[in-house]
PDB file of N, CA and C in Angstrom:
ATOM      1  N   MET A   1      82.104  38.216  45.976  1.00  0.00           N
ATOM      2  CA  MET A   1      83.573  39.022  45.889  1.00  0.00           C
ATOM      3  C   MET A   1      83.721  39.578  44.552  1.00  0.00           C
ATOM      4  N   LYS A   2      84.186  40.930  44.450  1.00  0.00           N
ATOM      5  CA  LYS A   2      84.313  41.481  43.222  1.00  0.00           C
ATOM      6  C   LYS A   2      85.609  40.825  42.617  1.00  0.00           C
ATOM      7  N   LYS A   3      85.717  40.948  41.348  1.00  0.00           N
ATOM      8  CA  LYS A   3      86.731  40.292  40.500  1.00  0.00           C
ATOM      9  C   LYS A   3      88.154  41.222  40.727  1.00  0.00           C
ATOM     10  N   ILE A   4      89.101  40.701  40.870  1.00  0.00           N
ATOM     11  CA  ILE A   4      90.401  41.369  41.190  1.00  0.00           C
ATOM     12  C   ILE A   4      90.887  41.446  39.860  1.00  0.00           C
ATOM     13  N   LYS A   5      91.282  42.752  39.531  1.00  0.00           N
ATOM     14  CA  LYS A   5      91.993  43.253  38.147  1.00  0.00           C
ATOM     15  C   LYS A   5      93.390  43.435  38.106  1.00  0.00           C
ATOM     16  N   LYS A   6      93.881  43.801  39.345  1.00  0.00           N
ATOM     17  CA  LYS A   6      95.355  43.937  39.415  1.00  0.00           C
ATOM     18  C   LYS A   6      96.129  42.937  40.448  1.00  0.00           C
ATOM     19  N   VAL A   7      97.213  42.771  39.984  1.00  0.00           N
ATOM     20  CA  VAL A   7      98.245  41.850  40.574  1.00  0.00           C
ATOM     21  C   VAL A   7      98.248  42.351  42.274  1.00  0.00           C
ATOM     22  N   PRO A   8      97.947  41.595  43.227  1.00  0.00           N
ATOM     23  CA  PRO A   8      98.144  42.132  44.731  1.00  0.00           C
ATOM     24  C   PRO A   8      99.256  42.687  45.083  1.00  0.00           C
ATOM     25  N   PRO A   9      99.366  43.610  45.764  1.00  0.00           N
ATOM     26  CA  PRO A   9     100.823  43.998  46.031  1.00  0.00           C
ATOM     27  C   PRO A   9     101.562  43.015  47.088  1.00  0.00           C
ATOM     28  N   SER A  10     100.803  42.204  47.834  1.00  0.00           N
ATOM     29  CA  SER A  10     101.430  41.332  48.626  1.00  0.00           C
ATOM     30  C   SER A  10     102.135  40.152  47.703  1.00  0.00           C
ATOM     31  N   PHE A  11     101.679  39.930  46.705  1.00  0.00           N
ATOM     32  CA  PHE A  11     102.390  39.149  45.504  1.00  0.00           C
ATOM     33  C   PHE A  11     103.736  39.428  45.283  1.00  0.00           C
ATOM     34  N   GLN A  12     104.152  40.736  45.453  1.00  0.00           N
ATOM     35  CA  GLN A  12     105.426  41.375  45.019  1.00  0.00           C
ATOM     36  C   GLN A  12     106.702  40.506  45.718  1.00  0.00           C
ATOM     37  N   THR A  13     106.549  39.821  46.855  1.00  0.00           N
ATOM     38  CA  THR A  13     107.566  38.927  47.321  1.00  0.00           C
ATOM     39  C   THR A  13     107.755  37.747  46.486  1.00  0.00           C
ATOM     40  N   ALA A  14     106.827  37.080  45.840  1.00  0.00           N
ATOM     41  CA  ALA A  14     106.951  36.007  45.013  1.00  0.00           C
ATOM     42  C   ALA A  14     107.313  36.302  43.733  1.00  0.00           C
ATOM     43  N   LEU A  15     107.016  37.598  43.281  1.00  0.00           N
ATOM     44  CA  LEU A  15     107.145  38.113  41.977  1.00  0.00           C
ATOM     45  C   LEU A  15     108.219  39.179  41.873  1.00  0.00           C
ATOM     46  N   TRP A  16     109.422  39.026  42.777  1.00  0.00           N
ATOM     47  CA  TRP A  16     110.226  39.893  42.924  1.00  0.00           C
ATOM     48  C   TRP A  16     110.940  40.571  41.596  1.00  0.00           C
ATOM     49  N   SER A  17     111.079  39.728  40.608  1.00  0.00           N
ATOM     50  CA  SER A  17     111.737  40.217  39.622  1.00  0.00           C
ATOM     51  C   SER A  17     110.693  40.862  38.401  1.00  0.00           C
ATOM     52  N   TYR A  18     109.555  40.993  38.952  1.00  0.00           N
ATOM     53  CA  TYR A  18     108.517  41.658  37.898  1.00  0.00           C
ATOM     54  C   TYR A  18     108.251  43.079  38.593  1.00  0.00           C
ATOM     55  N   ASP A  19     107.880  43.837  37.586  1.00  0.00           N
ATOM     56  CA  ASP A  19     106.945  45.026  37.941  1.00  0.00           C
ATOM     57  C   ASP A  19     105.557  44.773  37.887  1.00  0.00           C
ATOM     58  N   ILE A  20     105.127  44.495  39.194  1.00  0.00           N
ATOM     59  CA  ILE A  20     103.708  43.932  39.147  1.00  0.00           C
ATOM     60  C   ILE A  20     102.582  45.107  38.824  1.00  0.00           C
ATOM     61  N   SER A  21     102.992  46.206  38.710  1.00  0.00           N
ATOM     62  CA  SER A  21     102.145  47.440  38.204  1.00  0.00           C
ATOM     63  C   SER A  21     101.844  47.003  36.792  1.00  0.00           C
ATOM     64  N   ARG A  22     102.686  46.482  36.050  1.00  0.00           N
ATOM     65  CA  ARG A  22     102.527  46.609  34.617  1.00  0.00           C
ATOM     66  C   ARG A  22     101.971  44.906  34.398  1.00  0.00           C
ATOM     67  N   MET A  23     101.860  44.153  35.116  1.00  0.00           N
ATOM     68  CA  MET A  23     101.381  42.784  34.960  1.00  0.00           C
ATOM     69  C   MET A  23      99.863  42.847  34.799  1.00  0.00           C
ATOM     70  N   ASN A  24      99.466  41.856  34.058  1.00  0.00           N
ATOM     71  CA  ASN A  24      97.778  41.773  33.846  1.00  0.00           C
ATOM     72  C   ASN A  24      97.532  40.523  34.447  1.00  0.00           C
ATOM     73  N   ILE A  25      96.580  40.405  35.418  1.00  0.00           N
ATOM     74  CA  ILE A  25      95.937  39.202  36.071  1.00  0.00           C
ATOM     75  C   ILE A  25      95.692  38.189  35.175  1.00  0.00           C
ATOM     76  N   GLU A  26      95.263  38.406  34.020  1.00  0.00           N
ATOM     77  CA  GLU A  26      94.836  37.357  33.018  1.00  0.00           C
ATOM     78  C   GLU A  26      95.819  36.868  32.143  1.00  0.00           C
ATOM     79  N   LYS A  27      96.537  38.038  31.553  1.00  0.00           N
ATOM     80  CA  LYS A  27      97.396  37.637  30.430  1.00  0.00           C
ATOM     81  C   LYS A  27      98.766  36.942  30.975  1.00  0.00           C
ATOM     82  N   ASP A  28      99.060  37.440  32.336  1.00  0.00           N
ATOM     83  CA  ASP A  28     100.233  36.964  32.883  1.00  0.00           C
ATOM     84  C   ASP A  28      99.995  35.601  34.025  1.00  0.00           C
ATOM     85  N   LYS A  29      98.795  34.910  33.923  1.00  0.00           N
ATOM     86  CA  LYS A  29      98.263  34.326  34.855  1.00  0.00           C
ATOM     87  C   LYS A  29      99.363  32.983  35.062  1.00  0.00           C
ATOM     88  N   LYS A  30      99.991  32.475  34.058  1.00  0.00           N
ATOM     89  CA  LYS A  30     100.725  31.315  34.099  1.00  0.00           C
ATOM     90  C   LYS A  30     101.944  31.479  35.015  1.00  0.00           C
ATOM     91  N   GLY A  31     102.487  32.826  34.878  1.00  0.00           N
ATOM     92  CA  GLY A  31     103.639  33.214  35.619  1.00  0.00           C
ATOM     93  C   GLY A  31     103.334  33.662  36.978  1.00  0.00           C
ATOM     94  N   ILE A  32     102.271  34.216  37.212  1.00  0.00           N
ATOM     95  CA  ILE A  32     101.663  34.747  38.486  1.00  0.00           C
ATOM     96  C   ILE A  32     101.432  33.266  39.357  1.00  0.00           C
ATOM     97  N   ILE A  33     100.932  32.375  38.875  1.00  0.00           N
ATOM     98  CA  ILE A  33     100.321  31.121  39.391  1.00  0.00           C
ATOM     99  C   ILE A  33     102.022  30.183  39.864  1.00  0.00           C
ATOM    100  N   THR A  34     102.554  30.374  38.835  1.00  0.00           N
ATOM    101  CA  THR A  34     103.842  29.273  38.761  1.00  0.00           C
ATOM    102  C   THR A  34     104.584  30.104  40.127  1.00  0.00           C
ATOM    103  N   GLN A  35     104.896  31.264  40.042  1.00  0.00           N
ATOM    104  CA  GLN A  35     105.697  32.092  41.066  1.00  0.00           C
ATOM    105  C   GLN A  35     105.034  32.131  42.470  1.00  0.00           C
ATOM    106  N   VAL A  36     103.839  32.238  42.404  1.00  0.00           N
ATOM    107  CA  VAL A  36     103.032  32.103  43.826  1.00  0.00           C
ATOM    108  C   VAL A  36     102.951  30.820  44.519  1.00  0.00           C
ATOM    109  N   LEU A  37     102.968  29.889  43.620  1.00  0.00           N
ATOM    110  CA  LEU A  37     103.068  28.291  44.177  1.00  0.00           C
ATOM    111  C   LEU A  37     104.467  27.975  44.600  1.00  0.00           C
ATOM    112  N   ASN A  38     105.340  28.546  43.838  1.00  0.00           N
ATOM    113  CA  ASN A  38     106.708  28.348  44.233  1.00  0.00           C
ATOM    114  C   ASN A  38     107.323  28.934  45.525  1.00  0.00           C
ATOM    115  N   TYR A  39     107.015  30.367  45.684  1.00  0.00           N
ATOM    116  CA  TYR A  39     107.576  31.533  46.294  1.00  0.00           C
ATOM    117  C   TYR A  39     106.725  31.837  47.376  1.00  0.00           C
ATOM    118  N   GLY A  40     105.299  31.656  47.419  1.00  0.00           N
ATOM    119  CA  GLY A  40     104.328  32.565  48.018  1.00  0.00           C
ATOM    120  C   GLY A  40     104.232  31.955  49.351  1.00  0.00           C
ATOM    121  N   THR A  41     103.622  32.855  50.167  1.00  0.00           N
ATOM    122  CA  THR A  41     103.442  32.722  51.689  1.00  0.00           C
ATOM    123  C   THR A  41     101.980  31.958  51.824  1.00  0.00           C
ATOM    124  N   TRP A  42     101.592  31.531  52.879  1.00  0.00           N
ATOM    125  CA  TRP A  42     100.582  30.928  53.182  1.00  0.00           C
ATOM    126  C   TRP A  42      99.329  32.055  52.825  1.00  0.00           C
ATOM    127  N   ASP A  43      99.370  33.126  53.079  1.00  0.00           N
ATOM    128  CA  ASP A  43      98.338  34.058  52.639  1.00  0.00           C
ATOM    129  C   ASP A  43      98.352  34.508  51.230  1.00  0.00           C
ATOM    130  N   ASN A  44      99.508  34.320  50.495  1.00  0.00           N
ATOM    131  CA  ASN A  44      99.514  34.501  49.045  1.00  0.00           C
ATOM    132  C   ASN A  44      98.826  33.409  48.422  1.00  0.00           C
ATOM    133  N   LEU A  45      99.110  32.039  48.907  1.00  0.00           N
ATOM    134  CA  LEU A  45      98.391  30.806  48.313  1.00  0.00           C
ATOM    135  C   LEU A  45      96.961  31.111  48.442  1.00  0.00           C
ATOM    136  N   LYS A  46      96.507  31.471  49.793  1.00  0.00           N
ATOM    137  CA  LYS A  46      94.939  31.608  49.978  1.00  0.00           C
ATOM    138  C   LYS A  46      94.365  32.725  49.232  1.00  0.00           C
ATOM    139  N   LEU A  47      95.070  33.784  48.695  1.00  0.00           N
ATOM    140  CA  LEU A  47      94.618  34.741  47.913  1.00  0.00           C
ATOM    141  C   LEU A  47      94.613  34.241  46.355  1.00  0.00           C
ATOM    142  N   LEU A  48      95.730  33.473  46.145  1.00  0.00           N
ATOM    143  CA  LEU A  48      95.754  32.792  44.693  1.00  0.00           C
ATOM    144  C   LEU A  48      94.366  32.041  44.076  1.00  0.00           C
ATOM    145  N   PHE A  49      94.096  31.064  45.213  1.00  0.00           N
ATOM    146  CA  PHE A  49      92.887  30.337  45.149  1.00  0.00           C
ATOM    147  C   PHE A  49      91.590  31.122  45.120  1.00  0.00           C
ATOM    148  N   LYS A  50      91.652  32.296  45.621  1.00  0.00           N
ATOM    149  CA  LYS A  50      90.506  33.426  45.490  1.00  0.00           C
ATOM    150  C   LYS A  50      90.413  33.976  44.120  1.00  0.00           C
ATOM    151  N   ILE A  51      91.667  34.291  43.551  1.00  0.00           N
ATOM    152  CA  ILE A  51      91.795  34.917  42.293  1.00  0.00           C
ATOM    153  C   ILE A  51      91.257  34.131  41.065  1.00  0.00           C
ATOM    154  N   TYR A  52      92.049  32.978  41.063  1.00  0.00           N
ATOM    155  CA  TYR A  52      91.963  32.234  39.971  1.00  0.00           C
ATOM    156  C   TYR A  52      91.263  30.454  40.551  1.00  0.00           C
ATOM    157  N   PRO A  53      90.138  30.085  39.390  1.00  0.00           N
ATOM    158  CA  PRO A  53      89.777  28.998  39.845  1.00  0.00           C
ATOM    159  C   PRO A  53      90.671  27.765  39.995  1.00  0.00           C
ATOM    160  N   GLU A  54      90.254  26.933  40.657  1.00  0.00           N
ATOM    161  CA  GLU A  54      91.230  25.625  40.859  1.00  0.00           C
ATOM    162  C   GLU A  54      91.456  24.968  39.441  1.00  0.00           C
ATOM    163  N   LYS A  55      90.708  24.953  38.517  1.00  0.00           N
ATOM    164  CA  LYS A  55      90.960  24.297  37.092  1.00  0.00           C
ATOM    165  C   LYS A  55      92.165  25.107  36.681  1.00  0.00           C
ATOM    166  N   GLU A  56      92.116  26.551  36.687  1.00  0.00           N
ATOM    167  CA  GLU A  56      93.212  27.461  36.163  1.00  0.00           C
ATOM    168  C   GLU A  56      94.661  26.952  36.750  1.00  0.00           C
ATOM    169  N   ILE A  57      94.557  26.802  37.822  1.00  0.00           N
ATOM    170  CA  ILE A  57      95.710  26.407  38.612  1.00  0.00           C
ATOM    171  C   ILE A  57      96.300  25.023  38.437  1.00  0.00           C
ATOM    172  N   LYS A  58      95.257  24.212  38.249  1.00  0.00           N
ATOM    173  CA  LYS A  58      95.600  22.677  37.920  1.00  0.00           C
ATOM    174  C   LYS A  58      96.218  22.948  36.424  1.00  0.00           C
ATOM    175  N   LYS A  59      95.584  23.428  35.711  1.00  0.00           N
ATOM    176  CA  LYS A  59      96.202  23.578  34.308  1.00  0.00           C
ATOM    177  C   LYS A  59      97.936  24.192  34.235  1.00  0.00           C
ATOM    178  N   VAL A  60      97.906  24.939  35.005  1.00  0.00           N
ATOM    179  CA  VAL A  60      99.362  25.572  34.900  1.00  0.00           C
ATOM    180  C   VAL A  60     100.375  24.261  35.480  1.00  0.00           C
ATOM    181  N   ILE A  61      99.770  23.558  36.487  1.00  0.00           N
ATOM    182  CA  ILE A  61     100.605  22.718  37.081  1.00  0.00           C
ATOM    183  C   ILE A  61     100.721  21.601  36.029  1.00  0.00           C
ATOM    184  N   LYS A  62      99.648  21.101  35.331  1.00  0.00           N
ATOM    185  CA  LYS A  62      99.726  20.073  34.244  1.00  0.00           C
ATOM    186  C   LYS A  62     100.602  20.335  32.975  1.00  0.00           C
ATOM    187  N   ASN A  63     100.922  21.844  32.748  1.00  0.00           N
ATOM    188  CA  ASN A  63     101.687  22.170  31.758  1.00  0.00           C
ATOM    189  C   ASN A  63     102.782  23.090  32.300  1.00  0.00           C
ATOM    190  N   PRO A  64     103.744  22.408  32.902  1.00  0.00           N
ATOM    191  CA  PRO A  64     104.577  23.547  33.811  1.00  0.00           C
ATOM    192  C   PRO A  64     105.598  24.256  32.888  1.00  0.00           C
ATOM    193  N   SER A  65     105.762  25.246  33.182  1.00  0.00           N
ATOM    194  CA  SER A  65     106.795  26.052  32.389  1.00  0.00           C
ATOM    195  C   SER A  65     108.224  25.392  32.849  1.00  0.00           C
ATOM    196  N   ARG A  66     109.188  25.472  31.726  1.00  0.00           N
ATOM    197  CA  ARG A  66     110.495  25.093  31.753  1.00  0.00           C
ATOM    198  C   ARG A  66     111.309  25.451  32.702  1.00  0.00           C
ATOM    199  N   GLY A  67     112.072  24.830  33.510  1.00  0.00           N
ATOM    200  CA  GLY A  67     113.009  25.329  34.353  1.00  0.00           C
ATOM    201  C   GLY A  67     112.562  26.190  35.265  1.00  0.00           C
ATOM    202  N   VAL A  68     111.662  26.423  35.698  1.00  0.00           N
ATOM    203  CA  VAL A  68     111.195  27.441  36.696  1.00  0.00           C
ATOM    204  C   VAL A  68     110.719  26.605  38.125  1.00  0.00           C
ATOM    205  N   TRP A  69     110.355  25.378  38.206  1.00  0.00           N
ATOM    206  CA  TRP A  69     109.987  24.855  39.388  1.00  0.00           C
ATOM    207  C   TRP A  69     110.912  24.377  40.202  1.00  0.00           C
ATOM    208  N   PHE A  70     110.690  24.447  41.460  1.00  0.00           N
ATOM    209  CA  PHE A  70     111.442  23.708  42.511  1.00  0.00           C
ATOM    210  C   PHE A  70     110.821  22.438  42.683  1.00  0.00           C
ATOM    211  N   GLU A  71     111.829  21.405  42.593  1.00  0.00           N
ATOM    212  CA  GLU A  71     111.411  19.869  42.596  1.00  0.00           C
ATOM    213  C   GLU A  71     110.550  19.481  43.748  1.00  0.00           C
ATOM    214  N   LYS A  72     110.677  19.793  44.964  1.00  0.00           N
ATOM    215  CA  LYS A  72     109.695  19.414  46.091  1.00  0.00           C
ATOM    216  C   LYS A  72     108.118  20.357  45.923  1.00  0.00           C
ATOM    217  N   VAL A  73     108.344  21.588  45.427  1.00  0.00           N
ATOM    218  CA  VAL A  73     107.112  22.388  45.132  1.00  0.00           C
ATOM    219  C   VAL A  73     106.302  21.777  44.083  1.00  0.00           C
ATOM    220  N   LEU A  74     106.914  21.511  43.038  1.00  0.00           N
ATOM    221  CA  LEU A  74     106.031  20.642  41.819  1.00  0.00           C
ATOM    222  C   LEU A  74     105.602  19.237  42.552  1.00  0.00           C
ATOM    223  N   ASN A  75     106.309  18.489  43.268  1.00  0.00           N
ATOM    224  CA  ASN A  75     106.067  17.063  43.827  1.00  0.00           C
ATOM    225  C   ASN A  75     105.044  17.716  44.760  1.00  0.00           C
ATOM    226  N   PHE A  76     104.894  18.473  45.509  1.00  0.00           N
ATOM    227  CA  PHE A  76     103.719  18.773  46.338  1.00  0.00           C
ATOM    228  C   PHE A  76     102.460  18.966  45.727  1.00  0.00           C
ATOM    229  N   TRP A  77     102.408  19.936  44.822  1.00  0.00           N
ATOM    230  CA  TRP A  77     101.162  20.426  44.034  1.00  0.00           C
ATOM    231  C   TRP A  77     100.659  19.346  43.247  1.00  0.00           C
ATOM    232  N   THR A  78     101.590  18.440  42.346  1.00  0.00           N
ATOM    233  CA  THR A  78     101.097  17.277  41.882  1.00  0.00           C
ATOM    234  C   THR A  78     100.521  16.283  42.664  1.00  0.00           C
ATOM    235  N   THR A  79     101.134  16.104  43.727  1.00  0.00           N
ATOM    236  CA  THR A  79     100.412  15.226  44.830  1.00  0.00           C
ATOM    237  C   THR A  79      99.016  15.508  45.244  1.00  0.00           C
ATOM    238  N   ILE A  80      98.953  17.010  45.820  1.00  0.00           N
ATOM    239  CA  ILE A  80      97.881  17.526  46.201  1.00  0.00           C
ATOM    240  C   ILE A  80      96.611  17.442  45.231  1.00  0.00           C
ATOM    241  N   PHE A  81      96.901  17.668  43.812  1.00  0.00           N
ATOM    242  CA  PHE A  81      95.790  17.656  42.949  1.00  0.00           C
ATOM    243  C   PHE A  81      95.777  16.144  41.958  1.00  0.00           C
ATOM    244  N   ASN A  82      96.578  15.360  42.529  1.00  0.00           N
ATOM    245  CA  ASN A  82      96.615  13.934  41.975  1.00  0.00           C
ATOM    246  C   ASN A  82      96.922  14.082  40.357  1.00  0.00           C
ATOM    247  N   ILE A  83      98.054  14.992  39.951  1.00  0.00           N
ATOM    248  CA  ILE A  83      98.109  14.985  38.709  1.00  0.00           C
ATOM    249  C   ILE A  83      99.754  14.070  38.358  1.00  0.00           C
ATOM    250  N   ARG A  84      99.722  13.568  37.217  1.00  0.00           N
ATOM    251  CA  ARG A  84     100.529  12.684  36.836  1.00  0.00           C
ATOM    252  C   ARG A  84     101.316  13.206  35.793  1.00  0.00           C
ATOM    253  N   LEU A  85     102.619  13.825  35.894  1.00  0.00           N
ATOM    254  CA  LEU A  85     103.318  14.393  34.849  1.00  0.00           C
ATOM    255  C   LEU A  85     104.419  13.204  34.344  1.00  0.00           C
ATOM    256  N   LYS A  86     104.457  13.350  32.990  1.00  0.00           N
ATOM    257  CA  LYS A  86     105.449  12.552  32.302  1.00  0.00           C
ATOM    258  C   LYS A  86     106.744  13.022  32.528  1.00  0.00           C
ATOM    259  N   LYS A  87     107.583  11.980  32.991  1.00  0.00           N
ATOM    260  CA  LYS A  87     109.122  11.976  33.447  1.00  0.00           C
ATOM    261  C   LYS A  87     109.744  13.352  32.769  1.00  0.00           C
ATOM    262  N   ASP A  88     109.677  13.250  31.421  1.00  0.00           N
ATOM    263  CA  ASP A  88     110.546  14.255  30.775  1.00  0.00           C
ATOM    264  C   ASP A  88     109.807  15.704  31.001  1.00  0.00           C
ATOM    265  N   VAL A  89     108.697  15.816  31.119  1.00  0.00           N
ATOM    266  CA  VAL A  89     107.951  17.209  31.316  1.00  0.00           C
ATOM    267  C   VAL A  89     108.245  17.661  32.656  1.00  0.00           C
ATOM    268  N   ARG A  90     108.258  16.418  33.708  1.00  0.00           N
ATOM    269  CA  ARG A  90     108.628  16.862  35.125  1.00  0.00           C
ATOM    270  C   ARG A  90     110.082  17.278  35.031  1.00  0.00           C
ATOM    271  N   GLU A  91     111.034  16.637  34.546  1.00  0.00           N
ATOM    272  CA  GLU A  91     112.478  16.962  34.534  1.00  0.00           C
ATOM    273  C   GLU A  91     112.561  18.316  33.941  1.00  0.00           C
ATOM    274  N   LYS A  92     112.212  18.490  32.833  1.00  0.00           N
ATOM    275  CA  LYS A  92     112.113  19.860  32.007  1.00  0.00           C
ATOM    276  C   LYS A  92     111.707  21.185  32.925  1.00  0.00           C
ATOM    277  N   ALA A  93     110.776  20.889  33.855  1.00  0.00           N
ATOM    278  CA  ALA A  93     110.010  21.863  34.536  1.00  0.00           C
ATOM    279  C   ALA A  93     111.087  22.426  35.876  1.00  0.00           C
ATOM    280  N   ILE A  94     111.849  21.371  36.174  1.00  0.00           N
ATOM    281  CA  ILE A  94     112.581  21.450  37.571  1.00  0.00           C
ATOM    282  C   ILE A  94     113.723  22.535  37.231  1.00  0.00           C
ATOM    283  N   PHE A  95     113.874  23.641  38.149  1.00  0.00           N
ATOM    284  CA  PHE A  95     114.919  24.378  38.180  1.00  0.00           C
ATOM    285  C   PHE A  95     116.067  23.671  38.521  1.00  0.00           C
ATOM    286  N   ASN A  96     117.232  24.020  37.724  1.00  0.00           N
ATOM    287  CA  ASN A  96     118.492  23.201  38.038  1.00  0.00           C
ATOM    288  C   ASN A  96     119.478  23.885  37.589  1.00  0.00           C
ATOM    289  N   ILE A  97     120.349  24.319  38.852  1.00  0.00           N
ATOM    290  CA  ILE A  97     121.482  25.100  38.596  1.00  0.00           C
ATOM    291  C   ILE A  97     122.661  24.342  38.291  1.00  0.00           C
ATOM    292  N   ASN A  98     122.554  22.892  38.010  1.00  0.00           N
ATOM    293  CA  ASN A  98     123.754  22.143  37.659  1.00  0.00           C
ATOM    294  C   ASN A  98     123.086  21.359  36.477  1.00  0.00           C
ATOM    295  N   PRO A  99     122.862  21.997  35.391  1.00  0.00           N
ATOM    296  CA  PRO A  99     122.284  20.823  34.131  1.00  0.00           C
ATOM    297  C   PRO A  99     123.342  19.835  33.621  1.00  0.00           C
ATOM    298  N   HIS A 100     122.846  18.751  33.336  1.00  0.00           N
ATOM    299  CA  HIS A 100     123.912  17.833  32.845  1.00  0.00           C
ATOM    300  C   HIS A 100     124.677  18.166  31.449  1.00  0.00           C
TER     301      HIS A 100
END
């Protein structure tokens, strides 16, 4: 399979707030992976795992961006990959519209 250089148009639904034509598949990978894991369709997920090696995806989950993860989604992926996050890291990663 040839290396994908551009963000696939099908990812636009998961990356709705981005201009994907300006995104770089390598430089923007943390955001792309996070958004597709959070919002992507089954087809998006399958494509994500073709574009990025599993270790890259795990790295993003192990070092979650602050305030952008849905709790159930982060729980799902940490369970799938048997990743244990520190409580404070997990809490900071969760999107919360009602912060304390």
